[in-house]
Protein backbone atom coordinates (compact mmCIF):
# COMPACT_ATOMS: atom_id res chain seq x y z
CA MET A 1 -42.47 7.01 -22.61
CA SER A 2 -42.48 2.79 -22.46
CA SER A 3 -40.51 1.21 -20.28
CA ILE A 4 -39.09 0.07 -24.02
CA ASP A 5 -37.63 3.52 -24.53
CA LEU A 6 -36.24 3.68 -21.06
CA PHE A 7 -34.51 0.69 -20.88
CA ALA A 8 -33.06 0.07 -24.08
CA GLY A 9 -29.55 -1.10 -24.11
CA TYR A 10 -29.18 -1.91 -20.27
CA HIS A 11 -29.07 -5.44 -20.53
CA ASP A 12 -26.26 -5.34 -23.23
CA HIS A 13 -24.29 -2.40 -20.92
CA GLN A 14 -24.88 -4.66 -18.10
CA ALA A 15 -23.53 -7.49 -19.75
CA GLN A 16 -20.29 -5.63 -20.87
CA ALA A 17 -19.79 -4.33 -17.27
CA LEU A 18 -20.04 -8.06 -15.81
CA ALA A 19 -16.89 -9.17 -18.46
CA GLY A 20 -15.29 -6.61 -17.76
CA LEU A 21 -15.33 -7.58 -14.25
CA SER A 22 -14.68 -11.22 -14.78
CA LEU A 23 -11.82 -10.59 -17.21
CA THR A 24 -10.16 -7.94 -14.42
CA LYS A 25 -10.89 -10.89 -11.62
CA SER A 26 -9.22 -13.46 -14.36
CA LEU A 27 -6.09 -11.44 -14.29
CA ILE A 28 -6.07 -10.97 -10.45
CA GLU A 29 -6.32 -14.13 -9.89
CA THR A 30 -2.27 -15.29 -10.19
CA SER A 31 0.94 -14.95 -8.53
CA PHE A 32 2.97 -11.79 -8.15
CA ASP A 33 5.00 -13.39 -10.55
CA ALA A 34 2.64 -14.16 -13.52
CA TYR A 35 1.18 -11.25 -12.99
CA ASP A 36 0.40 -9.06 -16.34
CA ALA A 37 0.15 -5.38 -15.26
CA ALA A 38 0.24 -4.15 -18.75
CA GLY A 39 -2.73 -6.23 -19.20
CA MET A 40 -4.46 -5.15 -15.89
CA ALA A 41 -4.10 -1.82 -16.83
CA ALA A 42 -5.25 -2.33 -20.84
CA ALA A 43 -8.28 -4.32 -19.21
CA ARG A 44 -8.77 -1.70 -15.97
CA ALA A 45 -9.36 1.25 -18.61
CA VAL A 46 -11.51 -0.73 -20.61
CA LEU A 47 -13.60 -1.58 -17.39
CA SER A 48 -13.62 2.08 -16.78
CA ASP A 49 -14.95 3.41 -20.08
CA THR A 50 -17.63 0.95 -19.65
CA LEU A 51 -19.11 1.34 -16.02
CA GLN A 52 -18.84 4.81 -16.84
CA SER A 53 -20.99 4.54 -20.22
CA TYR A 54 -23.35 1.63 -18.22
CA GLN A 55 -23.86 4.41 -15.18
CA GLN A 56 -24.64 7.43 -17.78
CA LEU A 57 -27.12 5.36 -19.79
CA LYS A 58 -29.00 4.84 -16.55
CA HIS A 59 -28.85 7.89 -15.16
CA GLU A 60 -29.85 9.38 -17.91
CA CYS A 61 -32.25 6.73 -20.02
CA ILE A 62 -33.98 5.14 -16.77
CA PHE A 63 -32.96 7.22 -13.16
CA ASN A 64 -33.90 10.84 -14.34
CA PRO A 65 -36.68 10.18 -16.50
CA ALA A 66 -38.28 8.05 -14.04
CA ILE A 67 -37.71 10.82 -10.69
CA VAL A 68 -39.61 13.67 -13.28
CA SER A 69 -42.37 10.90 -14.05
CA GLY A 70 -44.80 12.44 -11.93
CA ASP A 71 -45.53 9.05 -10.25
CA PRO A 72 -44.11 9.43 -6.59
CA ALA A 73 -43.13 5.80 -5.94
CA ARG A 74 -41.46 5.21 -9.37
CA ALA A 75 -39.59 8.56 -8.61
CA ASP A 76 -38.70 7.19 -4.87
CA ARG A 77 -37.49 4.22 -6.26
CA ALA A 78 -35.28 5.75 -9.33
CA ARG A 79 -33.74 8.06 -6.87
CA THR A 80 -32.86 5.64 -4.51
CA MET A 81 -31.21 3.42 -7.19
CA LYS A 82 -29.47 6.71 -8.32
CA ILE A 83 -27.83 7.10 -5.24
CA ALA A 84 -27.20 3.27 -4.84
CA CYS A 85 -25.07 3.86 -8.23
CA ILE A 86 -23.64 6.93 -7.39
CA ALA A 87 -21.81 5.26 -4.40
CA ALA A 88 -20.53 2.25 -6.10
CA GLY A 89 -19.16 4.63 -8.86
CA GLU A 90 -17.54 6.60 -6.40
CA GLU A 91 -15.88 3.35 -4.76
CA TYR A 92 -14.69 2.34 -7.86
CA ARG A 93 -13.03 5.60 -8.28
CA HIS A 94 -11.67 5.29 -4.91
CA PHE A 95 -10.03 2.02 -5.48
CA ILE A 96 -8.81 3.30 -8.63
CA GLN A 97 -7.49 6.60 -6.81
CA THR A 98 -5.96 4.25 -4.59
CA TRP A 99 -4.02 1.69 -6.23
CA THR A 100 -2.92 3.44 -9.43
CA GLY A 101 1.16 3.94 -9.11
CA VAL A 102 0.97 2.19 -5.65
CA PHE A 103 2.17 -1.73 -6.63
CA GLY A 104 4.85 -3.91 -5.61
CA HIS A 105 5.63 -7.45 -4.43
CA ASP A 106 5.56 -6.19 -0.72
CA ARG A 107 1.74 -4.49 -1.74
CA TRP A 108 1.00 -7.92 -3.41
CA ALA A 109 -1.58 -9.31 -1.46
CA GLU A 110 -3.22 -6.93 -0.18
CA TYR A 111 -3.72 -5.17 -3.85
CA ARG A 112 -5.33 -8.77 -4.53
CA LEU A 113 -7.33 -8.98 -2.02
CA SER A 114 -8.65 -5.41 -2.06
CA THR A 115 -9.38 -5.99 -6.17
CA LEU A 116 -11.35 -9.20 -5.55
CA ASN A 117 -13.27 -7.75 -2.93
CA LEU A 118 -14.04 -4.81 -4.97
CA ILE A 119 -15.25 -7.19 -7.82
CA LYS A 120 -17.43 -8.89 -5.49
CA ARG A 121 -19.37 -5.73 -4.39
CA LEU A 122 -20.08 -4.36 -7.72
CA ARG A 123 -21.10 -7.79 -8.87
CA ASP A 124 -23.35 -7.74 -5.77
CA HIS A 125 -24.14 -4.50 -6.72
CA ILE A 126 -25.34 -5.06 -10.65
CA ASP A 127 -27.24 -8.16 -9.58
CA THR A 128 -29.25 -6.30 -6.85
CA GLU A 129 -29.51 -3.28 -9.34
CA ARG A 130 -30.83 -5.51 -11.85
CA ARG A 131 -33.33 -6.96 -9.67
CA ALA A 132 -34.15 -2.96 -9.10
CA LEU A 133 -34.23 -2.40 -12.66
CA ASP A 134 -36.47 -4.88 -13.67
CA ASP A 135 -38.85 -4.29 -10.44
CA LEU A 136 -39.12 -0.82 -11.86
CA ALA A 137 -40.01 -0.93 -15.61
CA THR A 138 -43.13 -3.44 -13.85
CA MET A 139 -44.21 0.41 -12.90
CA TYR A 140 -44.28 1.31 -16.28
CA PRO A 141 -47.71 1.02 -18.23
CA LYS A 142 -47.35 -2.16 -21.01
CA ALA A 143 -47.37 -0.69 -24.51
CA ALA A 144 -50.49 -1.21 -26.56
């Protein structure tokens, strides 16, 4: 299996995830009085679906095949990346569980800061992962 087969579509999914994070950031960078709770709920639902789809693509089409490829270096790299991906997904799910239904003016500053921090960590993770995925792709033979 070539790297083209394994990595097809990952850039599009990644771009969608980053766009969702940018939208979420634009919605949270406001005052409590101007905050669009319905817009944020809708954006969060789309972002959740996008992140889940992106994670599924990476696991099924990139990490799992690399882990069973027979190449120890490739398998180790993919396994490490898969663990980091799962951890990022769990962090996002924990954030959603923590903040769903717990909101008000008295928690606005905490919620806003927590959201901005999560966005930064997820962007950093995606950026690190992109470089690692590009590096992993070089571990496959070039198509003739």
